N, C-alpha and C. Protein backbone atom coordinates (compact mmCIF):
# COMPACT_ATOMS: atom_id res chain seq x y z
N UNK A 1 66.82 158.98 77.11
CA UNK A 1 65.83 159.23 76.07
C UNK A 1 65.82 158.06 75.09
N UNK A 2 64.65 157.64 74.73
CA UNK A 2 64.53 156.56 73.77
C UNK A 2 64.81 157.07 72.37
N UNK A 3 65.30 156.18 71.54
CA UNK A 3 65.65 156.52 70.18
C UNK A 3 64.80 155.70 69.24
N UNK A 4 63.95 156.38 68.49
CA UNK A 4 63.18 155.70 67.46
C UNK A 4 64.09 155.60 66.24
N UNK A 5 64.38 154.38 65.82
CA UNK A 5 65.32 154.16 64.73
C UNK A 5 64.67 154.22 63.37
N UNK A 6 65.36 153.69 62.39
CA UNK A 6 64.85 153.68 61.02
C UNK A 6 64.23 152.35 60.66
N UNK A 7 64.12 151.46 61.63
CA UNK A 7 63.61 150.14 61.33
C UNK A 7 62.09 150.09 61.29
N UNK A 8 61.64 149.20 60.44
CA UNK A 8 60.24 148.78 60.44
C UNK A 8 60.26 147.39 61.05
N UNK A 9 59.41 147.15 62.00
CA UNK A 9 59.24 145.79 62.50
C UNK A 9 58.01 145.23 61.81
N UNK A 10 58.23 144.26 60.94
CA UNK A 10 57.16 143.62 60.18
C UNK A 10 56.87 142.28 60.84
N UNK A 11 55.70 142.17 61.46
CA UNK A 11 55.32 140.95 62.18
C UNK A 11 54.31 140.22 61.33
N UNK A 12 54.78 139.16 60.67
CA UNK A 12 53.96 138.46 59.68
C UNK A 12 54.41 137.00 59.60
N UNK A 13 53.45 136.09 59.68
CA UNK A 13 53.79 134.67 59.61
C UNK A 13 53.52 134.06 58.24
N UNK A 14 52.79 134.73 57.38
CA UNK A 14 52.48 134.21 56.05
C UNK A 14 53.63 134.55 55.09
N UNK A 15 54.34 133.53 54.58
CA UNK A 15 55.50 133.80 53.71
C UNK A 15 55.15 134.62 52.47
N UNK A 16 53.99 134.41 51.88
CA UNK A 16 53.61 135.17 50.68
C UNK A 16 53.39 136.64 51.01
N UNK A 17 52.65 136.91 52.08
CA UNK A 17 52.41 138.30 52.48
C UNK A 17 53.71 138.98 52.89
N UNK A 18 54.57 138.23 53.55
CA UNK A 18 55.87 138.76 53.97
C UNK A 18 56.69 139.18 52.75
N UNK A 19 56.75 138.31 51.76
CA UNK A 19 57.51 138.62 50.55
C UNK A 19 56.92 139.83 49.82
N UNK A 20 55.59 139.88 49.69
CA UNK A 20 54.95 141.02 49.03
C UNK A 20 55.24 142.32 49.75
N UNK A 21 55.15 142.31 51.06
CA UNK A 21 55.39 143.52 51.85
C UNK A 21 56.84 143.98 51.69
N UNK A 22 57.78 143.05 51.80
CA UNK A 22 59.19 143.41 51.66
C UNK A 22 59.49 143.95 50.27
N UNK A 23 58.94 143.30 49.27
CA UNK A 23 59.18 143.74 47.89
C UNK A 23 58.63 145.15 47.65
N UNK A 24 57.42 145.40 48.15
CA UNK A 24 56.82 146.73 47.99
C UNK A 24 57.62 147.80 48.73
N UNK A 25 58.06 147.51 49.94
CA UNK A 25 58.85 148.48 50.70
C UNK A 25 60.17 148.79 50.00
N UNK A 26 60.81 147.76 49.47
CA UNK A 26 62.07 147.97 48.72
C UNK A 26 61.82 148.78 47.45
N UNK A 27 60.74 148.45 46.75
CA UNK A 27 60.43 149.13 45.49
C UNK A 27 60.30 150.63 45.68
N UNK A 28 59.76 151.04 46.82
CA UNK A 28 59.56 152.47 47.10
C UNK A 28 60.65 153.04 48.00
N UNK A 29 61.77 152.31 48.13
CA UNK A 29 62.90 152.74 48.96
C UNK A 29 62.48 153.06 50.39
N UNK A 30 61.57 152.27 50.93
CA UNK A 30 61.09 152.46 52.30
C UNK A 30 61.52 151.32 53.21
N UNK A 31 62.16 150.33 52.64
CA UNK A 31 62.48 149.15 53.42
C UNK A 31 63.96 148.93 53.62
N UNK A 32 64.70 150.01 53.88
CA UNK A 32 66.14 149.84 54.05
C UNK A 32 66.47 149.02 55.29
N UNK A 33 65.69 149.17 56.33
CA UNK A 33 65.91 148.40 57.55
C UNK A 33 64.57 147.80 57.98
N UNK A 34 64.33 146.60 57.57
CA UNK A 34 63.10 145.90 57.95
C UNK A 34 63.49 144.70 58.79
N UNK A 35 63.01 144.69 60.02
CA UNK A 35 63.21 143.54 60.90
C UNK A 35 61.97 142.67 60.78
N UNK A 36 62.16 141.38 60.61
CA UNK A 36 61.05 140.45 60.45
C UNK A 36 60.86 139.65 61.72
N UNK A 37 59.62 139.54 62.14
CA UNK A 37 59.25 138.62 63.23
C UNK A 37 58.13 137.76 62.67
N UNK A 38 58.28 136.44 62.79
CA UNK A 38 57.31 135.52 62.19
C UNK A 38 56.26 135.02 63.18
N UNK A 39 56.33 135.48 64.41
CA UNK A 39 55.30 135.17 65.40
C UNK A 39 55.34 136.25 66.48
N UNK A 40 54.32 136.25 67.33
CA UNK A 40 54.22 137.28 68.35
C UNK A 40 55.33 137.23 69.38
N UNK A 41 55.77 136.04 69.71
CA UNK A 41 56.84 135.90 70.69
C UNK A 41 58.14 136.52 70.17
N UNK A 42 58.46 136.25 68.91
CA UNK A 42 59.66 136.83 68.31
C UNK A 42 59.56 138.35 68.25
N UNK A 43 58.37 138.87 67.95
CA UNK A 43 58.16 140.32 67.92
C UNK A 43 58.43 140.94 69.29
N UNK A 44 57.88 140.34 70.34
CA UNK A 44 58.09 140.87 71.69
C UNK A 44 59.55 140.74 72.11
N UNK A 45 60.20 139.65 71.72
CA UNK A 45 61.62 139.49 72.02
C UNK A 45 62.43 140.61 71.37
N UNK A 46 62.11 140.95 70.12
CA UNK A 46 62.82 142.02 69.43
C UNK A 46 62.56 143.37 70.12
N UNK A 47 61.30 143.67 70.37
CA UNK A 47 60.92 144.96 70.95
C UNK A 47 61.56 145.15 72.33
N UNK A 48 61.54 144.09 73.14
CA UNK A 48 62.01 144.20 74.52
C UNK A 48 63.42 143.62 74.74
N UNK A 49 64.14 143.37 73.63
CA UNK A 49 65.55 142.93 73.68
C UNK A 49 65.75 141.68 74.52
N UNK A 50 64.98 140.65 74.21
CA UNK A 50 65.08 139.38 74.93
C UNK A 50 65.58 138.30 73.98
N UNK A 51 65.95 137.16 74.57
CA UNK A 51 66.36 135.96 73.82
C UNK A 51 67.41 136.30 72.76
N UNK A 52 67.16 135.98 71.49
CA UNK A 52 68.17 136.19 70.45
C UNK A 52 68.47 137.67 70.20
N UNK A 53 67.65 138.57 70.75
CA UNK A 53 67.86 140.01 70.57
C UNK A 53 68.40 140.67 71.84
N UNK A 54 68.90 139.87 72.78
CA UNK A 54 69.38 140.39 74.06
C UNK A 54 70.54 141.37 73.88
N UNK A 55 71.29 141.24 72.80
CA UNK A 55 72.41 142.14 72.55
C UNK A 55 72.02 143.46 71.91
N UNK A 56 70.78 143.58 71.49
CA UNK A 56 70.29 144.80 70.85
C UNK A 56 70.21 145.92 71.88
N UNK A 57 70.51 147.11 71.47
CA UNK A 57 70.43 148.26 72.38
C UNK A 57 68.98 148.48 72.79
N UNK A 58 68.67 148.44 74.08
CA UNK A 58 67.28 148.50 74.55
C UNK A 58 66.50 149.74 74.13
N UNK A 59 67.14 150.88 74.00
CA UNK A 59 66.42 152.09 73.65
C UNK A 59 66.13 152.24 72.18
N UNK A 60 66.71 151.40 71.33
CA UNK A 60 66.53 151.49 69.89
C UNK A 60 65.25 150.78 69.49
N UNK A 61 64.23 151.55 69.20
CA UNK A 61 62.91 151.00 68.88
C UNK A 61 62.60 151.20 67.40
N UNK A 62 61.74 150.35 66.85
CA UNK A 62 61.35 150.56 65.44
C UNK A 62 60.54 151.85 65.30
N UNK A 63 60.60 152.44 64.13
CA UNK A 63 59.79 153.65 63.86
C UNK A 63 58.34 153.30 63.75
N UNK A 64 58.06 152.10 63.26
CA UNK A 64 56.67 151.64 63.13
C UNK A 64 56.67 150.12 63.20
N UNK A 65 55.61 149.60 63.79
CA UNK A 65 55.39 148.16 63.84
C UNK A 65 54.21 147.84 62.94
N UNK A 66 54.43 147.01 61.93
CA UNK A 66 53.36 146.51 61.07
C UNK A 66 53.00 145.14 61.61
N UNK A 67 51.80 145.01 62.14
CA UNK A 67 51.44 143.86 62.96
C UNK A 67 50.26 143.09 62.40
N UNK A 68 50.50 141.83 62.08
CA UNK A 68 49.40 140.92 61.74
C UNK A 68 48.74 140.50 63.04
N UNK A 69 47.47 140.16 63.01
CA UNK A 69 46.78 139.74 64.23
C UNK A 69 46.83 138.24 64.45
N UNK A 70 46.68 137.49 63.39
CA UNK A 70 46.62 136.03 63.51
C UNK A 70 48.03 135.46 63.42
N UNK A 71 48.66 135.30 64.57
CA UNK A 71 50.05 134.86 64.64
C UNK A 71 50.18 133.63 65.52
N UNK A 72 51.19 132.81 65.25
CA UNK A 72 51.46 131.68 66.14
C UNK A 72 52.10 132.16 67.46
N UNK A 73 52.04 131.29 68.46
CA UNK A 73 52.62 131.47 69.78
C UNK A 73 51.93 132.57 70.59
N UNK A 74 52.06 133.81 70.18
CA UNK A 74 51.38 134.93 70.84
C UNK A 74 50.69 135.73 69.74
N UNK A 75 49.39 135.95 69.90
CA UNK A 75 48.67 136.65 68.82
C UNK A 75 48.96 138.15 68.82
N UNK A 76 48.55 138.79 67.73
CA UNK A 76 48.82 140.21 67.55
C UNK A 76 48.18 141.09 68.60
N UNK A 77 47.01 140.73 69.08
CA UNK A 77 46.35 141.53 70.12
C UNK A 77 47.20 141.57 71.39
N UNK A 78 47.80 140.43 71.75
CA UNK A 78 48.63 140.39 72.95
C UNK A 78 49.92 141.18 72.74
N UNK A 79 50.47 141.13 71.53
CA UNK A 79 51.65 141.95 71.22
C UNK A 79 51.29 143.42 71.41
N UNK A 80 50.18 143.84 70.83
CA UNK A 80 49.73 145.22 70.96
C UNK A 80 49.51 145.59 72.42
N UNK A 81 48.87 144.72 73.15
CA UNK A 81 48.60 144.95 74.58
C UNK A 81 49.90 145.20 75.35
N UNK A 82 50.91 144.36 75.11
CA UNK A 82 52.17 144.51 75.83
C UNK A 82 52.95 145.75 75.40
N UNK A 83 52.91 146.07 74.12
CA UNK A 83 53.60 147.27 73.63
C UNK A 83 52.97 148.52 74.26
N UNK A 84 51.65 148.56 74.31
CA UNK A 84 50.98 149.74 74.86
C UNK A 84 51.09 149.82 76.39
N UNK A 85 51.26 148.69 77.04
CA UNK A 85 51.33 148.67 78.51
C UNK A 85 52.69 149.11 79.05
N UNK A 86 53.72 149.05 78.22
CA UNK A 86 55.06 149.36 78.69
C UNK A 86 55.38 150.83 78.39
N UNK A 87 55.77 151.61 79.40
CA UNK A 87 56.06 153.02 79.17
C UNK A 87 57.21 153.26 78.19
N UNK A 88 58.10 152.28 78.01
CA UNK A 88 59.21 152.43 77.07
C UNK A 88 58.74 152.35 75.62
N UNK A 89 57.60 151.70 75.38
CA UNK A 89 57.17 151.43 74.00
C UNK A 89 55.76 151.94 73.68
N UNK A 90 55.08 152.49 74.65
CA UNK A 90 53.67 152.83 74.42
C UNK A 90 53.44 153.85 73.30
N UNK A 91 54.47 154.62 72.96
CA UNK A 91 54.33 155.65 71.93
C UNK A 91 54.72 155.16 70.53
N UNK A 92 55.29 153.97 70.40
CA UNK A 92 55.72 153.47 69.09
C UNK A 92 54.48 153.23 68.23
N UNK A 93 54.44 153.81 67.04
CA UNK A 93 53.28 153.60 66.17
C UNK A 93 53.11 152.12 65.80
N UNK A 94 51.89 151.64 65.93
CA UNK A 94 51.56 150.27 65.56
C UNK A 94 50.44 150.32 64.53
N UNK A 95 50.69 149.70 63.39
CA UNK A 95 49.69 149.60 62.33
C UNK A 95 49.33 148.13 62.20
N UNK A 96 48.07 147.82 62.47
CA UNK A 96 47.61 146.45 62.24
C UNK A 96 47.42 146.29 60.75
N UNK A 97 48.06 145.29 60.19
CA UNK A 97 47.97 144.96 58.77
C UNK A 97 47.60 143.48 58.72
N UNK A 98 46.33 143.22 58.50
CA UNK A 98 45.81 141.88 58.70
C UNK A 98 44.76 141.52 57.66
N UNK A 99 44.51 140.24 57.51
CA UNK A 99 43.45 139.78 56.63
C UNK A 99 42.09 139.86 57.32
N UNK A 100 42.09 140.02 58.64
CA UNK A 100 40.84 140.03 59.39
C UNK A 100 40.04 141.30 59.13
N UNK A 101 38.80 141.09 58.74
CA UNK A 101 37.88 142.19 58.52
C UNK A 101 36.79 142.18 59.60
N UNK A 102 37.04 141.41 60.67
CA UNK A 102 36.07 141.26 61.75
C UNK A 102 35.95 142.57 62.53
N UNK A 103 34.71 143.02 62.72
CA UNK A 103 34.47 144.27 63.44
C UNK A 103 35.01 144.22 64.87
N UNK A 104 34.92 143.06 65.51
CA UNK A 104 35.43 142.97 66.89
C UNK A 104 36.95 143.12 66.93
N UNK A 105 37.66 142.66 65.89
CA UNK A 105 39.11 142.85 65.83
C UNK A 105 39.46 144.33 65.66
N UNK A 106 38.71 145.01 64.81
CA UNK A 106 38.92 146.45 64.61
C UNK A 106 38.69 147.18 65.93
N UNK A 107 37.55 146.91 66.57
CA UNK A 107 37.21 147.59 67.82
C UNK A 107 38.22 147.31 68.92
N UNK A 108 38.62 146.05 69.07
CA UNK A 108 39.57 145.70 70.13
C UNK A 108 40.94 146.33 69.85
N UNK A 109 41.36 146.36 68.59
CA UNK A 109 42.64 146.96 68.25
C UNK A 109 42.67 148.43 68.65
N UNK A 110 41.61 149.16 68.30
CA UNK A 110 41.57 150.57 68.66
C UNK A 110 41.44 150.76 70.17
N UNK A 111 40.71 149.89 70.84
CA UNK A 111 40.60 149.97 72.30
C UNK A 111 41.97 149.77 72.96
N UNK A 112 42.82 148.97 72.33
CA UNK A 112 44.15 148.72 72.87
C UNK A 112 45.17 149.78 72.45
N UNK A 113 44.77 150.69 71.57
CA UNK A 113 45.64 151.81 71.22
C UNK A 113 46.38 151.72 69.90
N UNK A 114 45.87 150.90 68.96
CA UNK A 114 46.51 150.84 67.65
C UNK A 114 46.40 152.20 66.97
N UNK A 115 47.39 152.54 66.15
CA UNK A 115 47.36 153.81 65.44
C UNK A 115 46.56 153.73 64.15
N UNK A 116 46.52 152.55 63.54
CA UNK A 116 45.80 152.38 62.28
C UNK A 116 45.48 150.91 62.10
N UNK A 117 44.37 150.63 61.45
CA UNK A 117 43.95 149.25 61.18
C UNK A 117 43.69 149.14 59.69
N UNK A 118 44.45 148.29 59.02
CA UNK A 118 44.34 148.14 57.58
C UNK A 118 44.11 146.68 57.25
N UNK A 119 43.06 146.42 56.47
CA UNK A 119 42.80 145.07 55.99
C UNK A 119 43.64 144.88 54.73
N UNK A 120 44.42 143.79 54.71
CA UNK A 120 45.30 143.53 53.57
C UNK A 120 44.49 143.36 52.29
N UNK A 121 44.84 144.13 51.27
CA UNK A 121 44.21 143.89 49.97
C UNK A 121 44.70 142.56 49.40
N UNK A 122 43.82 141.85 48.71
CA UNK A 122 44.21 140.58 48.12
C UNK A 122 44.90 140.76 46.77
N UNK A 123 44.61 141.83 46.07
CA UNK A 123 45.22 142.13 44.79
C UNK A 123 46.64 142.67 45.02
N UNK A 124 47.61 142.13 44.26
CA UNK A 124 49.01 142.53 44.45
C UNK A 124 49.21 144.02 44.27
N UNK A 125 48.66 144.62 43.21
CA UNK A 125 48.86 146.05 42.98
C UNK A 125 48.27 146.89 44.10
N UNK A 126 47.11 146.48 44.60
CA UNK A 126 46.51 147.20 45.73
C UNK A 126 47.33 147.03 47.00
N UNK A 127 47.87 145.82 47.22
CA UNK A 127 48.71 145.57 48.38
C UNK A 127 49.98 146.42 48.30
N UNK A 128 50.59 146.45 47.13
CA UNK A 128 51.80 147.25 46.91
C UNK A 128 51.53 148.73 47.17
N UNK A 129 50.41 149.22 46.69
CA UNK A 129 50.04 150.62 46.91
C UNK A 129 49.77 150.89 48.39
N UNK A 130 49.13 149.96 49.06
CA UNK A 130 48.90 150.11 50.50
C UNK A 130 50.23 150.21 51.25
N UNK A 131 51.20 149.38 50.89
CA UNK A 131 52.51 149.43 51.54
C UNK A 131 53.22 150.75 51.25
N UNK A 132 53.06 151.27 50.04
CA UNK A 132 53.66 152.58 49.71
C UNK A 132 53.08 153.67 50.58
N UNK A 133 51.76 153.68 50.71
CA UNK A 133 51.09 154.71 51.51
C UNK A 133 51.47 154.58 52.98
N UNK A 134 51.45 153.36 53.50
CA UNK A 134 51.82 153.11 54.90
C UNK A 134 53.26 153.58 55.14
N UNK A 135 54.17 153.12 54.31
CA UNK A 135 55.57 153.47 54.49
C UNK A 135 55.82 154.96 54.37
N UNK A 136 55.23 155.58 53.36
CA UNK A 136 55.43 157.02 53.17
C UNK A 136 54.90 157.80 54.36
N UNK A 137 53.71 157.44 54.82
CA UNK A 137 53.15 158.18 55.95
C UNK A 137 53.99 158.00 57.21
N UNK A 138 54.23 156.76 57.62
CA UNK A 138 54.87 156.51 58.91
C UNK A 138 56.37 156.77 58.91
N UNK A 139 57.04 156.63 57.76
CA UNK A 139 58.49 156.82 57.73
C UNK A 139 58.92 158.18 57.22
N UNK A 140 58.08 158.83 56.43
CA UNK A 140 58.47 160.11 55.85
C UNK A 140 57.68 161.27 56.44
N UNK A 141 56.36 161.16 56.46
CA UNK A 141 55.53 162.28 56.88
C UNK A 141 55.31 162.38 58.39
N UNK A 142 55.11 161.28 59.05
CA UNK A 142 54.81 161.30 60.48
C UNK A 142 56.02 161.75 61.28
N UNK A 143 55.77 162.55 62.29
CA UNK A 143 56.83 162.98 63.19
C UNK A 143 56.61 162.36 64.56
N UNK A 144 57.57 161.57 64.99
CA UNK A 144 57.50 160.90 66.27
C UNK A 144 57.93 161.83 67.39
N UNK A 145 57.40 161.66 68.59
CA UNK A 145 57.82 162.52 69.70
C UNK A 145 59.27 162.32 70.11
N UNK A 146 59.89 161.23 69.68
CA UNK A 146 61.28 160.94 70.07
C UNK A 146 62.29 161.29 69.00
N UNK A 147 61.83 161.75 67.85
CA UNK A 147 62.77 162.10 66.77
C UNK A 147 63.01 163.60 66.79
N UNK A 148 64.22 163.97 66.52
CA UNK A 148 64.55 165.40 66.50
C UNK A 148 64.59 165.91 65.10
């Protein structure tokens, strides 16, 4: 049986957005275990226990993946595609958190099975509030099929 852990996998390449997200999660006591991936390849390595994460227990998955779309090496759509294609990870909640407001990105994300699509607010207070709502919902209120 797979074990959904207490980690958030935050996939973000923008240092400013990364810092804001981490600060907001800590402020609301939602970021006790946040794993950072700065590109799509690193995110997939973490999820599938490859490369520098080869020692990680394979069944230990993040409770939620916060995924930017515009990433170096492997873009967010491909990360989402691979997560949804693998039976070990297809149920892990994925929230796209991106600056892209493009309708085709929204449509493709949902076609690939994203759980939620959120356009990053540019205002710090709005961004902080968005992180509070995201964290509270996915870490406190949502019940995963793998959690007892």
